[in-house]
């Protein structure tokens, strides 16, 4: 399963894994009312309200409520349409409910907004491979490997190399 990503939090597992990994901030522990904003929420900037929607979306996704998580991510994007983290997490949610093409679009948008988001390349590559786009998958794995390595994430770079090797029939690390 894909992992959720939170800006400014360490990414423990970045690609297909057995569970979702997330760091929660104090702001994320606040519940958003979808109907009537509280005085505290109304005082927040649109960017901060977007972060609240992102965080509640992540909480819902962790609980397996991907459809409602997507609704929160949609709200977050209305408030802050250039937040790559929201696109990334919505991509994870779309993939989790079987909407692979929507997930590819969101991972692509996350990459467009943040070209160094290695996990978005890796996840997009995995979906491309599953959809039969071997060349697209290999290109994404190569880019993810390069980015992970430059970011000092050797285990993730090694995982990308394993997937590259599996696609090309080699065993080089």
N, C-alpha and C. Protein backbone atom coordinates (compact mmCIF):
# COMPACT_ATOMS: atom_id res chain seq x y z
N UNK A 1 0.85 -1.17 0.00
CA UNK A 1 0.00 0.00 0.00
C UNK A 1 0.89 1.24 0.00
N UNK A 2 0.45 2.28 -0.60
CA UNK A 2 1.20 3.51 -0.67
C UNK A 2 1.18 4.20 0.69
N UNK A 3 2.17 4.99 0.95
CA UNK A 3 2.20 5.71 2.20
C UNK A 3 1.74 7.14 2.00
N UNK A 4 1.18 7.71 3.04
CA UNK A 4 0.81 9.10 3.02
C UNK A 4 2.03 9.94 3.33
N UNK A 5 2.04 11.15 2.87
CA UNK A 5 3.19 12.02 3.06
C UNK A 5 2.73 13.32 3.68
N UNK A 6 3.48 13.81 4.61
CA UNK A 6 3.20 15.05 5.31
C UNK A 6 4.41 15.95 5.19
N UNK A 7 4.23 17.15 4.69
CA UNK A 7 5.32 18.10 4.53
C UNK A 7 6.02 18.37 5.86
N UNK A 8 7.33 18.43 5.81
CA UNK A 8 8.18 18.72 6.96
C UNK A 8 8.23 17.59 7.99
N UNK A 9 7.76 16.43 7.67
CA UNK A 9 7.85 15.28 8.56
C UNK A 9 8.71 14.23 7.89
N UNK A 10 9.52 13.50 8.65
CA UNK A 10 10.35 12.47 8.01
C UNK A 10 9.49 11.40 7.36
N UNK A 11 9.90 11.00 6.21
CA UNK A 11 9.19 9.96 5.50
C UNK A 11 9.86 8.64 5.83
N UNK A 12 9.19 7.80 6.59
CA UNK A 12 9.78 6.56 7.05
C UNK A 12 9.75 5.49 5.96
N UNK A 13 8.66 5.41 5.27
CA UNK A 13 8.53 4.45 4.17
C UNK A 13 7.90 5.24 3.04
N UNK A 14 8.48 5.17 1.87
CA UNK A 14 8.04 6.09 0.83
C UNK A 14 7.25 5.45 -0.28
N UNK A 15 7.23 4.17 -0.39
CA UNK A 15 6.54 3.56 -1.51
C UNK A 15 5.60 2.46 -1.03
N UNK A 16 5.44 1.43 -1.81
CA UNK A 16 4.56 0.34 -1.44
C UNK A 16 5.02 -0.24 -0.12
N UNK A 17 4.13 -0.32 0.85
CA UNK A 17 4.47 -0.85 2.16
C UNK A 17 3.25 -1.55 2.73
N UNK A 18 3.42 -2.11 3.89
CA UNK A 18 2.31 -2.83 4.49
C UNK A 18 1.37 -1.92 5.27
N UNK A 19 1.72 -0.66 5.45
CA UNK A 19 0.86 0.23 6.20
C UNK A 19 1.11 1.67 5.83
N UNK A 20 0.30 2.55 6.38
CA UNK A 20 0.44 3.97 6.15
C UNK A 20 1.28 4.58 7.27
N UNK A 21 2.18 5.47 6.89
CA UNK A 21 3.04 6.11 7.87
C UNK A 21 2.75 7.60 7.85
N UNK A 22 2.62 8.20 9.02
CA UNK A 22 2.27 9.61 9.08
C UNK A 22 2.76 10.21 10.38
N UNK A 23 3.28 11.40 10.31
CA UNK A 23 3.59 12.19 11.49
C UNK A 23 2.49 13.21 11.66
N UNK A 24 2.02 13.38 12.85
CA UNK A 24 0.93 14.31 13.09
C UNK A 24 1.43 15.54 13.83
N UNK A 25 1.00 16.69 13.38
CA UNK A 25 1.35 17.94 14.04
C UNK A 25 0.23 18.32 15.00
N UNK A 26 0.48 19.22 15.95
CA UNK A 26 -0.58 19.64 16.85
C UNK A 26 -1.77 20.23 16.10
N UNK A 27 -1.51 20.95 15.00
CA UNK A 27 -2.62 21.52 14.25
C UNK A 27 -3.49 20.41 13.66
N UNK A 28 -2.91 19.29 13.37
CA UNK A 28 -3.64 18.17 12.79
C UNK A 28 -4.55 17.48 13.77
N UNK A 29 -4.38 17.75 15.05
CA UNK A 29 -5.21 17.10 16.03
C UNK A 29 -6.54 17.82 16.22
N UNK A 30 -6.69 18.98 15.58
CA UNK A 30 -7.93 19.73 15.61
C UNK A 30 -8.88 19.14 14.59
N UNK A 31 -10.15 18.97 14.95
CA UNK A 31 -11.12 18.45 13.99
C UNK A 31 -11.74 19.61 13.22
N UNK A 32 -11.90 19.40 11.92
CA UNK A 32 -12.53 20.40 11.07
C UNK A 32 -14.03 20.14 11.00
N UNK A 33 -14.80 21.17 11.17
CA UNK A 33 -16.23 21.06 10.95
C UNK A 33 -16.50 21.40 9.50
N UNK A 34 -17.14 20.50 8.78
CA UNK A 34 -17.39 20.73 7.36
C UNK A 34 -18.57 21.70 7.18
N UNK A 35 -19.33 21.96 8.23
CA UNK A 35 -20.50 22.80 8.05
C UNK A 35 -20.23 24.23 8.50
N UNK A 36 -19.90 24.46 9.72
CA UNK A 36 -19.75 25.80 10.26
C UNK A 36 -18.37 25.95 10.88
N UNK A 37 -17.51 26.82 10.34
CA UNK A 37 -16.18 26.96 10.92
C UNK A 37 -16.25 27.58 12.31
N UNK A 38 -15.39 27.10 13.19
CA UNK A 38 -15.32 27.67 14.52
C UNK A 38 -14.62 29.02 14.43
N UNK A 39 -14.69 29.81 15.51
CA UNK A 39 -14.03 31.11 15.51
C UNK A 39 -12.53 30.95 15.30
N UNK A 40 -11.94 29.92 15.90
CA UNK A 40 -10.51 29.67 15.74
C UNK A 40 -10.18 29.34 14.30
N UNK A 41 -10.98 28.48 13.68
CA UNK A 41 -10.73 28.10 12.29
C UNK A 41 -10.92 29.28 11.35
N UNK A 42 -11.94 30.11 11.61
CA UNK A 42 -12.20 31.27 10.77
C UNK A 42 -11.05 32.27 10.83
N UNK A 43 -10.33 32.29 11.94
CA UNK A 43 -9.21 33.21 12.10
C UNK A 43 -7.96 32.73 11.38
N UNK A 44 -7.94 31.47 10.98
CA UNK A 44 -6.78 30.91 10.29
C UNK A 44 -6.72 31.39 8.85
N UNK A 45 -5.52 31.45 8.33
CA UNK A 45 -5.33 31.80 6.92
C UNK A 45 -5.85 30.66 6.05
N UNK A 46 -6.12 30.93 4.79
CA UNK A 46 -6.54 29.84 3.89
C UNK A 46 -5.51 28.71 3.84
N UNK A 47 -4.23 29.06 3.87
CA UNK A 47 -3.18 28.03 3.85
C UNK A 47 -3.27 27.13 5.09
N UNK A 48 -3.49 27.74 6.26
CA UNK A 48 -3.61 26.95 7.49
C UNK A 48 -4.88 26.10 7.49
N UNK A 49 -5.98 26.66 6.98
CA UNK A 49 -7.22 25.86 6.88
C UNK A 49 -7.01 24.70 5.91
N UNK A 50 -6.27 24.96 4.84
CA UNK A 50 -5.94 23.88 3.90
C UNK A 50 -5.16 22.78 4.61
N UNK A 51 -4.21 23.16 5.45
CA UNK A 51 -3.43 22.16 6.20
C UNK A 51 -4.32 21.35 7.14
N UNK A 52 -5.33 22.00 7.71
CA UNK A 52 -6.28 21.26 8.57
C UNK A 52 -7.03 20.22 7.74
N UNK A 53 -7.50 20.62 6.58
CA UNK A 53 -8.19 19.65 5.71
C UNK A 53 -7.24 18.52 5.31
N UNK A 54 -6.00 18.86 4.98
CA UNK A 54 -5.02 17.84 4.64
C UNK A 54 -4.86 16.85 5.79
N UNK A 55 -4.70 17.37 6.97
CA UNK A 55 -4.47 16.51 8.14
C UNK A 55 -5.68 15.64 8.45
N UNK A 56 -6.88 16.21 8.37
CA UNK A 56 -8.06 15.38 8.63
C UNK A 56 -8.24 14.36 7.51
N UNK A 57 -7.88 14.72 6.29
CA UNK A 57 -7.92 13.75 5.20
C UNK A 57 -6.98 12.59 5.46
N UNK A 58 -5.79 12.90 5.93
CA UNK A 58 -4.82 11.85 6.25
C UNK A 58 -5.37 10.95 7.36
N UNK A 59 -5.98 11.56 8.37
CA UNK A 59 -6.55 10.77 9.46
C UNK A 59 -7.62 9.82 8.92
N UNK A 60 -8.45 10.31 8.03
CA UNK A 60 -9.50 9.47 7.45
C UNK A 60 -8.88 8.35 6.61
N UNK A 61 -7.85 8.68 5.85
CA UNK A 61 -7.19 7.65 5.03
C UNK A 61 -6.56 6.57 5.91
N UNK A 62 -5.96 6.96 7.00
CA UNK A 62 -5.38 5.98 7.92
C UNK A 62 -6.45 5.02 8.42
N UNK A 63 -7.65 5.53 8.60
CA UNK A 63 -8.77 4.70 9.05
C UNK A 63 -9.46 3.97 7.90
N UNK A 64 -8.93 4.10 6.69
CA UNK A 64 -9.49 3.39 5.55
C UNK A 64 -10.66 4.09 4.88
N UNK A 65 -10.96 5.30 5.29
CA UNK A 65 -12.08 6.07 4.74
C UNK A 65 -11.56 6.95 3.60
N UNK A 66 -11.17 6.32 2.50
CA UNK A 66 -10.50 7.03 1.40
C UNK A 66 -11.43 8.00 0.68
N UNK A 67 -12.69 7.65 0.53
CA UNK A 67 -13.61 8.55 -0.19
C UNK A 67 -13.78 9.86 0.56
N UNK A 68 -13.94 9.81 1.86
CA UNK A 68 -14.06 11.05 2.63
C UNK A 68 -12.72 11.77 2.75
N UNK A 69 -11.63 11.01 2.74
CA UNK A 69 -10.31 11.65 2.72
C UNK A 69 -10.16 12.47 1.44
N UNK A 70 -10.60 11.91 0.32
CA UNK A 70 -10.52 12.63 -0.95
C UNK A 70 -11.34 13.92 -0.89
N UNK A 71 -12.49 13.88 -0.25
CA UNK A 71 -13.30 15.10 -0.09
C UNK A 71 -12.54 16.16 0.70
N UNK A 72 -11.84 15.74 1.75
CA UNK A 72 -11.04 16.70 2.52
C UNK A 72 -9.88 17.25 1.68
N UNK A 73 -9.24 16.38 0.92
CA UNK A 73 -8.15 16.84 0.05
C UNK A 73 -8.68 17.82 -0.99
N UNK A 74 -9.87 17.57 -1.52
CA UNK A 74 -10.47 18.51 -2.47
C UNK A 74 -10.67 19.89 -1.83
N UNK A 75 -11.15 19.89 -0.59
CA UNK A 75 -11.33 21.15 0.13
C UNK A 75 -9.99 21.85 0.36
N UNK A 76 -8.99 21.06 0.71
CA UNK A 76 -7.65 21.63 0.93
C UNK A 76 -7.14 22.28 -0.35
N UNK A 77 -7.38 21.64 -1.48
CA UNK A 77 -6.90 22.20 -2.75
C UNK A 77 -7.66 23.45 -3.17
N UNK A 78 -8.93 23.56 -2.77
CA UNK A 78 -9.67 24.80 -3.04
C UNK A 78 -9.03 25.98 -2.33
N UNK A 79 -8.48 25.72 -1.15
CA UNK A 79 -7.88 26.78 -0.34
C UNK A 79 -6.41 27.03 -0.70
N UNK A 80 -5.71 26.00 -1.13
CA UNK A 80 -4.29 26.11 -1.46
C UNK A 80 -4.00 25.20 -2.65
N UNK A 81 -4.32 25.65 -3.86
CA UNK A 81 -4.22 24.77 -5.04
C UNK A 81 -2.80 24.40 -5.46
N UNK A 82 -1.81 24.96 -4.84
CA UNK A 82 -0.43 24.62 -5.23
C UNK A 82 0.29 23.79 -4.17
N UNK A 83 -0.47 23.07 -3.35
CA UNK A 83 0.13 22.26 -2.29
C UNK A 83 0.40 20.84 -2.81
N UNK A 84 1.65 20.56 -3.09
CA UNK A 84 2.03 19.25 -3.63
C UNK A 84 1.71 18.11 -2.68
N UNK A 85 1.76 18.36 -1.38
CA UNK A 85 1.47 17.33 -0.39
C UNK A 85 0.03 16.83 -0.51
N UNK A 86 -0.88 17.74 -0.79
CA UNK A 86 -2.29 17.36 -0.93
C UNK A 86 -2.46 16.48 -2.17
N UNK A 87 -1.86 16.90 -3.28
CA UNK A 87 -1.95 16.08 -4.49
C UNK A 87 -1.36 14.70 -4.25
N UNK A 88 -0.22 14.65 -3.58
CA UNK A 88 0.41 13.36 -3.30
C UNK A 88 -0.52 12.45 -2.49
N UNK A 89 -1.05 12.98 -1.40
CA UNK A 89 -1.90 12.17 -0.53
C UNK A 89 -3.23 11.80 -1.20
N UNK A 90 -3.76 12.71 -2.01
CA UNK A 90 -4.98 12.35 -2.74
C UNK A 90 -4.67 11.25 -3.75
N UNK A 91 -3.48 11.30 -4.35
CA UNK A 91 -3.07 10.23 -5.26
C UNK A 91 -3.03 8.88 -4.56
N UNK A 92 -2.53 8.87 -3.33
CA UNK A 92 -2.50 7.63 -2.54
C UNK A 92 -3.94 7.14 -2.31
N UNK A 93 -4.83 8.07 -1.96
CA UNK A 93 -6.23 7.69 -1.70
C UNK A 93 -6.90 7.16 -2.97
N UNK A 94 -6.67 7.85 -4.09
CA UNK A 94 -7.25 7.36 -5.35
C UNK A 94 -6.75 5.96 -5.67
N UNK A 95 -5.45 5.74 -5.52
CA UNK A 95 -4.91 4.40 -5.78
C UNK A 95 -5.56 3.37 -4.85
N UNK A 96 -5.77 3.74 -3.61
CA UNK A 96 -6.31 2.82 -2.61
C UNK A 96 -7.73 2.39 -2.92
N UNK A 97 -8.47 3.19 -3.70
CA UNK A 97 -9.84 2.79 -4.07
C UNK A 97 -9.91 2.35 -5.54
N UNK A 98 -8.75 2.12 -6.14
CA UNK A 98 -8.72 1.56 -7.49
C UNK A 98 -8.81 2.55 -8.63
N UNK A 99 -8.63 3.83 -8.36
CA UNK A 99 -8.68 4.85 -9.41
C UNK A 99 -7.26 5.22 -9.82
N UNK A 100 -6.61 4.29 -10.52
CA UNK A 100 -5.19 4.43 -10.86
C UNK A 100 -4.91 5.64 -11.75
N UNK A 101 -5.77 5.90 -12.72
CA UNK A 101 -5.52 7.04 -13.62
C UNK A 101 -5.61 8.36 -12.86
N UNK A 102 -6.56 8.48 -11.94
CA UNK A 102 -6.65 9.68 -11.09
C UNK A 102 -5.39 9.81 -10.23
N UNK A 103 -4.92 8.67 -9.73
CA UNK A 103 -3.71 8.69 -8.90
C UNK A 103 -2.51 9.17 -9.72
N UNK A 104 -2.38 8.67 -10.95
CA UNK A 104 -1.27 9.13 -11.81
C UNK A 104 -1.36 10.63 -12.03
N UNK A 105 -2.55 11.14 -12.28
CA UNK A 105 -2.72 12.58 -12.48
C UNK A 105 -2.27 13.37 -11.25
N UNK A 106 -2.66 12.88 -10.08
CA UNK A 106 -2.27 13.60 -8.85
C UNK A 106 -0.78 13.49 -8.57
N UNK A 107 -0.19 12.32 -8.79
CA UNK A 107 1.26 12.21 -8.60
C UNK A 107 1.99 13.09 -9.60
N UNK A 108 1.48 13.17 -10.81
CA UNK A 108 2.09 14.04 -11.83
C UNK A 108 1.99 15.51 -11.42
N UNK A 109 0.85 15.90 -10.87
CA UNK A 109 0.69 17.29 -10.42
C UNK A 109 1.60 17.57 -9.22
N UNK A 110 1.73 16.62 -8.31
CA UNK A 110 2.65 16.79 -7.18
C UNK A 110 4.07 16.98 -7.69
N UNK A 111 4.45 16.21 -8.70
CA UNK A 111 5.79 16.32 -9.28
C UNK A 111 5.96 17.68 -9.97
N UNK A 112 4.93 18.13 -10.68
CA UNK A 112 5.01 19.43 -11.34
C UNK A 112 5.23 20.55 -10.33
N UNK A 113 4.59 20.44 -9.19
CA UNK A 113 4.72 21.46 -8.14
C UNK A 113 5.99 21.31 -7.32
N UNK A 114 6.44 20.08 -7.15
CA UNK A 114 7.64 19.80 -6.35
C UNK A 114 8.46 18.73 -7.08
N UNK A 115 9.30 19.13 -8.02
CA UNK A 115 10.03 18.16 -8.86
C UNK A 115 10.99 17.24 -8.11
N UNK A 116 11.26 17.53 -6.85
CA UNK A 116 12.16 16.68 -6.07
C UNK A 116 11.41 15.66 -5.21
N UNK A 117 10.11 15.50 -5.40
CA UNK A 117 9.31 14.58 -4.59
C UNK A 117 9.52 13.15 -5.11
N UNK A 118 10.56 12.52 -4.62
CA UNK A 118 10.97 11.20 -5.10
C UNK A 118 9.87 10.15 -4.95
N UNK A 119 9.16 10.17 -3.83
CA UNK A 119 8.14 9.14 -3.61
C UNK A 119 7.00 9.25 -4.62
N UNK A 120 6.71 10.44 -5.12
CA UNK A 120 5.68 10.59 -6.14
C UNK A 120 6.12 9.92 -7.44
N UNK A 121 7.41 10.07 -7.79
CA UNK A 121 7.93 9.37 -8.97
C UNK A 121 7.85 7.85 -8.78
N UNK A 122 8.26 7.37 -7.62
CA UNK A 122 8.23 5.93 -7.37
C UNK A 122 6.83 5.36 -7.41
N UNK A 123 5.89 6.06 -6.77
CA UNK A 123 4.51 5.58 -6.76
C UNK A 123 3.89 5.64 -8.16
N UNK A 124 4.17 6.72 -8.88
CA UNK A 124 3.65 6.82 -10.24
C UNK A 124 4.24 5.70 -11.11
N UNK A 125 5.52 5.41 -10.90
CA UNK A 125 6.15 4.32 -11.64
C UNK A 125 5.49 2.99 -11.37
N UNK A 126 5.15 2.73 -10.12
CA UNK A 126 4.50 1.47 -9.77
C UNK A 126 3.15 1.35 -10.46
N UNK A 127 2.39 2.43 -10.49
CA UNK A 127 1.08 2.40 -11.15
C UNK A 127 1.27 2.22 -12.66
N UNK A 128 2.22 2.96 -13.23
CA UNK A 128 2.48 2.82 -14.67
C UNK A 128 2.83 1.37 -15.02
N UNK A 129 3.66 0.76 -14.19
CA UNK A 129 4.01 -0.64 -14.43
C UNK A 129 2.77 -1.52 -14.40
N UNK A 130 1.92 -1.32 -13.38
CA UNK A 130 0.70 -2.12 -13.26
C UNK A 130 -0.25 -1.91 -14.43
N UNK A 131 -0.19 -0.73 -15.06
CA UNK A 131 -1.04 -0.44 -16.21
C UNK A 131 -0.39 -0.84 -17.54
N UNK A 132 0.81 -1.42 -17.48
CA UNK A 132 1.47 -1.90 -18.69
C UNK A 132 2.41 -0.91 -19.35
N UNK A 133 2.65 0.24 -18.72
CA UNK A 133 3.56 1.24 -19.28
C UNK A 133 4.96 1.01 -18.71
N UNK A 134 5.64 0.01 -19.25
CA UNK A 134 6.96 -0.39 -18.74
C UNK A 134 7.99 0.73 -18.87
N UNK A 135 8.02 1.40 -20.01
CA UNK A 135 9.00 2.48 -20.22
C UNK A 135 8.75 3.65 -19.28
N UNK A 136 7.49 4.03 -19.10
CA UNK A 136 7.16 5.10 -18.17
C UNK A 136 7.54 4.73 -16.75
N UNK A 137 7.29 3.47 -16.39
CA UNK A 137 7.64 2.99 -15.05
C UNK A 137 9.15 3.05 -14.84
N UNK A 138 9.91 2.56 -15.81
CA UNK A 138 11.38 2.59 -15.67
C UNK A 138 11.91 4.01 -15.55
N UNK A 139 11.37 4.92 -16.34
CA UNK A 139 11.80 6.32 -16.26
C UNK A 139 11.52 6.90 -14.87
N UNK A 140 10.33 6.59 -14.34
CA UNK A 140 9.99 7.08 -13.00
C UNK A 140 10.87 6.45 -11.93
N UNK A 141 11.14 5.16 -12.04
CA UNK A 141 12.01 4.49 -11.06
C UNK A 141 13.41 5.08 -11.10
N UNK A 142 13.92 5.36 -12.30
CA UNK A 142 15.26 5.94 -12.43
C UNK A 142 15.31 7.32 -11.76
N UNK A 143 14.31 8.14 -12.04
CA UNK A 143 14.26 9.49 -11.46
C UNK A 143 14.13 9.41 -9.93
N UNK A 144 13.26 8.52 -9.46
CA UNK A 144 13.08 8.36 -8.01
C UNK A 144 14.39 7.90 -7.37
N UNK A 145 15.06 6.95 -7.99
CA UNK A 145 16.34 6.46 -7.45
C UNK A 145 17.35 7.60 -7.32
N UNK A 146 17.47 8.40 -8.37
CA UNK A 146 18.41 9.52 -8.37
C UNK A 146 18.05 10.52 -7.25
N UNK A 147 16.79 10.84 -7.13
CA UNK A 147 16.36 11.79 -6.10
C UNK A 147 16.56 11.23 -4.69
N UNK A 148 16.17 9.98 -4.49
CA UNK A 148 16.35 9.37 -3.17
C UNK A 148 17.82 9.38 -2.78
N UNK A 149 18.66 9.02 -3.73
CA UNK A 149 20.10 8.99 -3.45
C UNK A 149 20.61 10.38 -3.10
N UNK A 150 20.19 11.39 -3.86
CA UNK A 150 20.64 12.77 -3.59
C UNK A 150 20.10 13.29 -2.26
N UNK A 151 18.99 12.73 -1.80
CA UNK A 151 18.39 13.13 -0.52
C UNK A 151 18.90 12.28 0.65
N UNK A 152 19.80 11.35 0.35
CA UNK A 152 20.39 10.52 1.39
C UNK A 152 19.54 9.35 1.84
N UNK A 153 18.50 9.03 1.10
CA UNK A 153 17.63 7.90 1.46
C UNK A 153 18.09 6.67 0.69
N UNK A 154 19.15 6.05 1.18
CA UNK A 154 19.76 4.91 0.51
C UNK A 154 18.81 3.71 0.41
N UNK A 155 18.08 3.34 1.47
CA UNK A 155 17.17 2.19 1.34
C UNK A 155 16.12 2.38 0.24
N UNK A 156 15.56 3.58 0.13
CA UNK A 156 14.56 3.82 -0.92
C UNK A 156 15.22 3.78 -2.29
N UNK A 157 16.43 4.32 -2.43
CA UNK A 157 17.16 4.26 -3.70
C UNK A 157 17.44 2.81 -4.07
N UNK A 158 17.79 2.00 -3.09
CA UNK A 158 18.05 0.58 -3.35
C UNK A 158 16.77 -0.13 -3.79
N UNK A 159 15.65 0.22 -3.19
CA UNK A 159 14.37 -0.39 -3.60
C UNK A 159 14.07 -0.03 -5.05
N UNK A 160 14.32 1.21 -5.42
CA UNK A 160 14.11 1.61 -6.82
C UNK A 160 15.00 0.78 -7.75
N UNK A 161 16.25 0.57 -7.34
CA UNK A 161 17.17 -0.22 -8.16
C UNK A 161 16.68 -1.66 -8.30
N UNK A 162 16.13 -2.21 -7.25
CA UNK A 162 15.58 -3.57 -7.30
C UNK A 162 14.46 -3.62 -8.34
N UNK A 163 13.57 -2.63 -8.32
CA UNK A 163 12.47 -2.61 -9.28
C UNK A 163 12.99 -2.40 -10.69
N UNK A 164 14.01 -1.57 -10.84
CA UNK A 164 14.62 -1.37 -12.16
C UNK A 164 15.21 -2.68 -12.65
N UNK A 165 15.93 -3.37 -11.78
CA UNK A 165 16.53 -4.66 -12.14
C UNK A 165 15.47 -5.68 -12.54
N UNK A 166 14.37 -5.72 -11.81
CA UNK A 166 13.30 -6.65 -12.14
C UNK A 166 12.73 -6.37 -13.53
N UNK A 167 12.64 -5.09 -13.88
CA UNK A 167 12.11 -4.72 -15.19
C UNK A 167 13.08 -5.02 -16.31
N UNK A 168 14.37 -4.85 -16.04
CA UNK A 168 15.36 -5.02 -17.10
C UNK A 168 16.02 -6.40 -17.07
N UNK A 169 15.72 -7.21 -16.06
CA UNK A 169 16.27 -8.56 -15.97
C UNK A 169 17.71 -8.61 -15.49
N UNK A 170 18.18 -7.56 -14.80
CA UNK A 170 19.54 -7.54 -14.27
C UNK A 170 19.51 -7.68 -12.77
N UNK A 171 20.68 -7.85 -12.17
CA UNK A 171 20.77 -7.99 -10.71
C UNK A 171 21.69 -6.96 -10.08
N UNK A 172 22.08 -5.93 -10.82
CA UNK A 172 23.00 -4.92 -10.32
C UNK A 172 22.32 -4.01 -9.29
N UNK A 173 23.01 -3.72 -8.19
CA UNK A 173 22.55 -2.73 -7.21
C UNK A 173 23.40 -1.51 -7.36
